[in-house]
N, C-alpha and C. Protein backbone atom coordinates (compact mmCIF):
# COMPACT_ATOMS: atom_id res chain seq x y z
N MET A 1 254.09 232.15 81.65
CA MET A 1 255.36 233.53 80.99
C MET A 1 254.84 234.26 80.97
N VAL A 2 254.23 235.18 80.44
CA VAL A 2 253.82 236.37 80.25
C VAL A 2 253.66 237.49 81.88
N MET A 3 253.62 236.28 82.88
CA MET A 3 253.20 236.77 84.04
C MET A 3 255.22 237.40 84.26
N ASN A 4 256.20 236.42 84.05
CA ASN A 4 257.68 235.96 83.89
C ASN A 4 257.90 237.83 83.46
N LEU A 5 257.44 237.81 82.25
CA LEU A 5 257.87 239.16 81.47
C LEU A 5 257.76 240.44 82.04
N LYS A 6 256.18 240.79 82.87
CA LYS A 6 255.69 241.42 83.26
C LYS A 6 256.95 241.59 84.98
N LEU A 7 256.95 240.72 85.35
CA LEU A 7 257.82 240.55 86.40
C LEU A 7 259.28 241.45 85.95
N LEU A 8 260.18 240.52 85.45
CA LEU A 8 261.21 241.05 84.49
C LEU A 8 260.99 242.80 84.39
N HIS A 9 260.02 243.27 83.76
CA HIS A 9 260.04 244.39 83.35
C HIS A 9 259.68 245.45 84.22
N GLY A 10 258.82 244.67 85.06
CA GLY A 10 258.98 245.92 86.76
C GLY A 10 260.07 245.66 87.29
N LEU A 11 260.75 244.77 87.45
CA LEU A 11 262.61 244.79 88.15
C LEU A 11 263.13 245.58 87.25
N TRP A 12 263.10 245.67 85.94
CA TRP A 12 263.98 246.46 85.03
C TRP A 12 263.87 247.78 84.95
N ASN A 13 262.56 248.17 85.30
CA ASN A 13 262.09 249.64 85.60
C ASN A 13 262.18 250.43 86.66
N HIS A 14 262.75 249.03 87.70
CA HIS A 14 262.33 249.98 89.23
C HIS A 14 263.01 251.36 89.30
N PRO A 15 262.88 252.16 89.98
CA PRO A 15 263.92 252.90 90.58
C PRO A 15 265.10 252.75 91.16
N ALA A 16 265.25 251.18 91.81
CA ALA A 16 266.52 251.01 92.26
C ALA A 16 267.17 249.39 91.36
N GLY A 17 266.44 249.67 90.13
CA GLY A 17 266.46 248.37 89.49
C GLY A 17 268.28 248.45 88.56
N PRO A 18 268.30 247.17 87.95
CA PRO A 18 269.65 247.19 87.28
C PRO A 18 269.92 248.44 86.02
N LYS A 19 269.20 249.65 85.95
CA LYS A 19 269.51 250.48 84.70
C LYS A 19 270.21 251.76 86.08
N THR A 20 270.28 251.22 87.48
CA THR A 20 270.82 252.26 88.17
C THR A 20 271.77 251.74 89.15
N ILE A 21 272.61 253.54 89.63
CA ILE A 21 273.67 253.41 90.79
C ILE A 21 272.96 252.01 91.83
N HIS A 22 271.57 252.20 92.45
CA HIS A 22 270.81 251.87 93.55
C HIS A 22 270.92 250.31 93.27
N PHE A 23 271.01 249.99 92.30
CA PHE A 23 271.31 248.27 92.58
C PHE A 23 272.82 247.99 92.12
N TRP A 24 273.95 248.14 91.37
CA TRP A 24 274.75 247.80 91.30
C TRP A 24 275.46 248.07 92.63
N ALA A 25 275.32 249.36 93.52
CA ALA A 25 276.44 249.56 94.76
C ALA A 25 276.19 248.14 95.69
N PRO A 26 274.87 248.26 96.06
CA PRO A 26 274.66 247.12 96.76
C PRO A 26 274.92 245.28 96.26
N THR A 27 275.24 245.64 94.87
CA THR A 27 275.42 243.94 94.44
C THR A 27 277.26 243.99 94.93
N PHE A 28 277.97 245.13 94.98
CA PHE A 28 278.82 244.70 94.75
C PHE A 28 279.69 244.85 96.16
N LYS A 29 278.56 245.00 97.07
CA LYS A 29 279.07 245.35 98.32
C LYS A 29 278.65 243.70 99.02
N TRP A 30 277.89 243.33 98.03
CA TRP A 30 277.79 241.81 98.92
C TRP A 30 279.52 241.11 99.33
N THR A 31 280.43 241.27 98.49
CA THR A 31 281.41 241.09 98.49
C THR A 31 281.85 241.00 99.62
N LEU A 32 281.47 241.79 101.16
CA LEU A 32 281.95 242.17 102.05
C LEU A 32 280.98 240.99 102.78
N THR A 33 280.05 240.83 102.55
CA THR A 33 279.46 240.02 103.48
C THR A 33 280.04 238.48 102.95
N ALA A 34 280.76 237.86 101.87
CA ALA A 34 281.03 236.88 101.37
C ALA A 34 282.46 236.63 102.30
N ALA A 35 283.04 237.67 102.05
CA ALA A 35 284.14 237.79 102.80
C ALA A 35 284.09 237.22 104.40
N ASN A 36 283.42 237.84 104.78
CA ASN A 36 282.77 237.88 106.34
C ASN A 36 282.24 236.32 106.05
N ILE A 37 281.77 235.66 105.55
CA ILE A 37 281.04 234.75 105.19
C ILE A 37 282.55 233.04 105.47
N SER A 38 283.20 233.76 104.29
CA SER A 38 284.47 232.98 104.52
C SER A 38 285.44 232.82 105.30
N ASN A 39 285.30 233.66 106.08
CA ASN A 39 286.18 233.86 107.45
C ASN A 39 285.74 233.04 108.51
N PHE A 40 284.46 232.41 108.48
CA PHE A 40 283.68 231.85 109.90
C PHE A 40 284.96 230.23 109.55
N SER A 41 285.73 230.20 108.88
CA SER A 41 286.19 228.98 109.10
C SER A 41 287.76 229.45 109.69
N THR A 42 288.32 230.27 109.91
CA THR A 42 289.18 230.93 110.51
C THR A 42 289.23 230.60 111.94
N PRO A 43 290.22 230.64 112.56
CA PRO A 43 290.23 230.32 113.94
C PRO A 43 290.30 231.76 114.83
N PRO A 44 289.24 231.36 116.04
CA PRO A 44 288.77 233.06 116.22
C PRO A 44 290.11 233.70 116.64
N ASP A 45 290.99 233.13 117.22
CA ASP A 45 292.03 234.15 117.54
C ASP A 45 292.36 235.31 116.54
N ASP A 46 291.79 235.24 114.92
CA ASP A 46 292.49 236.01 114.77
C ASP A 46 290.93 236.54 113.89
N VAL A 47 290.08 236.84 114.86
CA VAL A 47 288.69 237.25 114.59
C VAL A 47 288.89 238.86 115.24
N SER A 48 288.61 239.82 114.52
CA SER A 48 289.31 241.45 115.15
C SER A 48 287.74 241.46 115.81
N TYR A 49 287.78 242.15 117.47
CA TYR A 49 286.60 242.56 117.73
C TYR A 49 286.77 244.12 117.33
N PRO A 50 287.33 245.18 116.71
CA PRO A 50 287.06 246.23 116.33
C PRO A 50 286.11 246.23 114.59
N GLN A 51 286.86 244.82 114.21
CA GLN A 51 286.39 244.99 112.61
C GLN A 51 284.72 244.35 112.63
N GLN A 52 284.83 243.60 113.39
CA GLN A 52 283.23 243.04 113.36
C GLN A 52 282.29 243.55 114.32
N THR A 53 282.44 244.64 114.80
CA THR A 53 281.40 245.16 115.88
C THR A 53 281.51 246.38 114.86
N ALA A 54 282.35 247.06 114.20
CA ALA A 54 282.27 247.83 113.04
C ALA A 54 281.09 247.35 111.81
N PHE A 55 281.08 245.83 111.32
CA PHE A 55 280.40 245.25 110.29
C PHE A 55 279.27 245.26 111.36
N ALA A 56 279.07 244.40 111.93
CA ALA A 56 277.90 244.66 112.88
C ALA A 56 276.94 246.10 112.77
N ILE A 57 277.76 246.65 113.41
CA ILE A 57 276.77 248.14 113.76
C ILE A 57 276.65 248.76 112.45
N ALA A 58 277.54 248.95 111.47
CA ALA A 58 277.22 249.53 110.19
C ALA A 58 276.12 248.71 108.90
N GLY A 59 276.18 247.50 109.95
CA GLY A 59 275.05 246.56 108.61
C GLY A 59 273.50 247.16 109.35
N PHE A 60 273.53 246.78 110.59
CA PHE A 60 272.15 247.49 111.39
C PHE A 60 271.45 248.44 111.02
N ILE A 61 272.70 249.85 111.14
CA ILE A 61 272.19 250.95 110.98
C ILE A 61 271.67 250.94 109.95
N GLY A 62 272.68 250.55 108.39
CA GLY A 62 272.00 250.44 107.07
C GLY A 62 270.64 249.99 106.94
N ALA A 63 270.91 248.95 107.78
CA ALA A 63 269.37 248.10 107.10
C ALA A 63 267.95 248.83 107.67
N ARG A 64 268.38 249.43 108.80
CA ARG A 64 267.59 250.19 109.53
C ARG A 64 267.36 251.20 107.92
N TYR A 65 268.18 251.55 107.48
CA TYR A 65 267.88 252.81 107.05
C TYR A 65 267.00 252.87 105.68
N CYS A 66 267.78 251.50 105.21
CA CYS A 66 266.60 250.89 103.98
C CYS A 66 265.29 250.91 104.11
N THR A 67 264.87 250.43 105.46
CA THR A 67 263.33 250.84 105.27
C THR A 67 262.58 252.10 105.57
N VAL A 68 263.74 253.19 105.77
CA VAL A 68 263.06 254.66 105.46
C VAL A 68 263.43 255.83 104.53
N ILE A 69 264.02 254.67 103.46
CA ILE A 69 264.43 255.61 102.37
C ILE A 69 263.61 255.36 100.61
N THR A 70 263.08 256.05 100.24
CA THR A 70 262.13 256.13 99.40
C THR A 70 263.21 256.26 97.80
N PRO A 71 263.73 255.67 97.10
CA PRO A 71 262.66 254.27 96.85
C PRO A 71 263.74 253.07 97.78
N LYS A 72 262.37 251.93 98.10
CA LYS A 72 262.84 250.77 99.20
C LYS A 72 263.82 250.09 98.53
N ASN A 73 264.96 249.95 99.06
CA ASN A 73 266.26 249.10 98.12
C ASN A 73 266.28 248.11 99.10
N TRP A 74 265.66 247.03 98.70
CA TRP A 74 265.76 245.19 99.58
C TRP A 74 266.27 244.78 99.37
N ASN A 75 267.55 245.40 97.90
CA ASN A 75 268.63 244.43 97.94
C ASN A 75 269.76 245.25 99.33
N LEU A 76 270.08 246.62 99.03
CA LEU A 76 270.35 246.97 99.74
C LEU A 76 270.05 246.72 101.52
N PHE A 77 269.16 246.53 101.63
CA PHE A 77 268.63 245.76 103.22
C PHE A 77 268.97 244.85 103.51
N SER A 78 268.78 243.76 102.97
CA SER A 78 269.07 242.13 102.49
C SER A 78 270.99 242.03 102.90
N ASN A 79 271.57 243.04 102.20
CA ASN A 79 272.99 243.11 102.20
C ASN A 79 273.53 243.63 103.54
N ASN A 80 273.00 244.39 103.92
CA ASN A 80 273.46 245.22 105.16
C ASN A 80 273.26 244.03 106.51
N PHE A 81 271.75 243.72 106.36
CA PHE A 81 271.29 242.89 107.24
C PHE A 81 272.01 241.40 107.48
N ALA A 82 272.54 241.19 106.25
CA ALA A 82 273.50 239.92 106.42
C ALA A 82 274.84 240.14 107.11
N LEU A 83 275.26 241.45 106.66
CA LEU A 83 276.09 241.99 106.81
C LEU A 83 276.37 242.44 108.66
N GLY A 84 275.27 241.89 109.27
CA GLY A 84 275.16 242.80 110.50
C GLY A 84 274.95 241.29 111.32
N CYS A 85 274.30 240.60 110.99
CA CYS A 85 274.52 238.92 111.45
C CYS A 85 275.21 238.50 111.48
N THR A 86 276.07 238.70 109.91
CA THR A 86 277.36 238.02 110.37
C THR A 86 278.59 238.41 111.22
N GLY A 87 278.63 239.44 111.60
CA GLY A 87 279.10 240.62 112.02
C GLY A 87 278.99 240.25 113.33
N VAL A 88 277.78 239.77 113.88
CA VAL A 88 277.29 239.39 115.33
C VAL A 88 277.54 237.69 115.40
N TYR A 89 277.40 237.21 114.63
CA TYR A 89 277.94 235.74 114.96
C TYR A 89 279.59 235.50 114.92
N GLN A 90 279.95 236.35 114.10
CA GLN A 90 281.30 236.52 114.40
C GLN A 90 281.99 236.82 115.76
N LEU A 91 281.53 238.00 116.70
CA LEU A 91 281.37 238.32 118.43
C LEU A 91 281.47 237.46 118.76
N VAL A 92 280.18 237.06 118.60
CA VAL A 92 279.58 235.53 119.76
C VAL A 92 280.86 234.53 119.38
N ARG A 93 281.04 234.12 118.12
CA ARG A 93 282.39 233.08 117.86
C ARG A 93 283.87 233.48 118.97
N LYS A 94 284.05 234.57 118.73
CA LYS A 94 285.24 235.01 119.80
C LYS A 94 284.95 235.18 120.74
N ALA A 95 283.63 236.25 120.98
CA ALA A 95 283.78 236.14 122.26
C ALA A 95 283.67 234.34 123.27
N GLY A 96 282.95 233.83 122.44
CA GLY A 96 283.01 232.52 123.56
C GLY A 96 284.18 231.47 123.50
N HIS A 97 285.27 231.72 122.36
CA HIS A 97 286.21 231.73 122.42
C HIS A 97 287.32 232.03 123.38
N ASP A 98 287.14 232.76 123.83
CA ASP A 98 287.96 233.86 124.54
C ASP A 98 287.23 233.82 125.94
N TYR A 99 286.33 233.74 126.29
CA TYR A 99 285.96 233.80 127.71
C TYR A 99 285.39 232.58 128.51
N LEU A 100 284.84 231.65 127.23
CA LEU A 100 283.89 230.47 127.77
C LEU A 100 285.11 228.82 127.52
N ILE A 101 285.27 229.06 126.59
CA ILE A 101 286.30 228.21 126.31
C ILE A 101 287.82 228.26 126.37
N ASN A 102 288.34 229.01 126.36
CA ASN A 102 289.84 229.68 126.30
C ASN A 102 290.36 230.60 127.55
N PRO A 103 289.08 230.56 128.41
CA PRO A 103 289.92 231.95 129.72
C PRO A 103 291.24 231.80 130.06
N VAL A 104 291.41 233.18 130.19
CA VAL A 104 292.90 233.80 130.70
C VAL A 104 292.72 233.41 131.97
N ALA A 105 293.79 233.10 132.35
CA ALA A 105 294.13 232.59 133.87
C ALA A 105 293.93 234.24 134.46
N LYS A 106 292.98 234.28 135.76
CA LYS A 106 292.71 235.40 136.20
C LYS A 106 294.39 235.33 137.54
N ASP A 107 295.00 236.18 137.89
CA ASP A 107 295.56 236.34 139.04
C ASP A 107 295.12 237.26 140.17
N TYR A 108 294.47 236.63 141.41
CA TYR A 108 293.58 237.47 142.25
C TYR A 108 294.47 237.08 143.37
């Protein structure tokens, strides 16, 4: 019990803890990742290459940035990494549909 209280006290007083914007901004940014996950059930025709490319690139660049800033913000890192992964997944799903499953007839 005492260990749990020390852990909560450390989290509460962390420089990126719940008393700061460094906690709440990434927490609300999870809605982008959740929205992208909810789009996994949409048809691949409705997936946008530019949007998912932006999600993937911004996610991985942001995740890299989170590893070099002080204090380390692991909530933001995990959010950005998840956003990058969901963007890549959507891109692979769209490309697989466009080029493997339903290729356009080529006029040679």
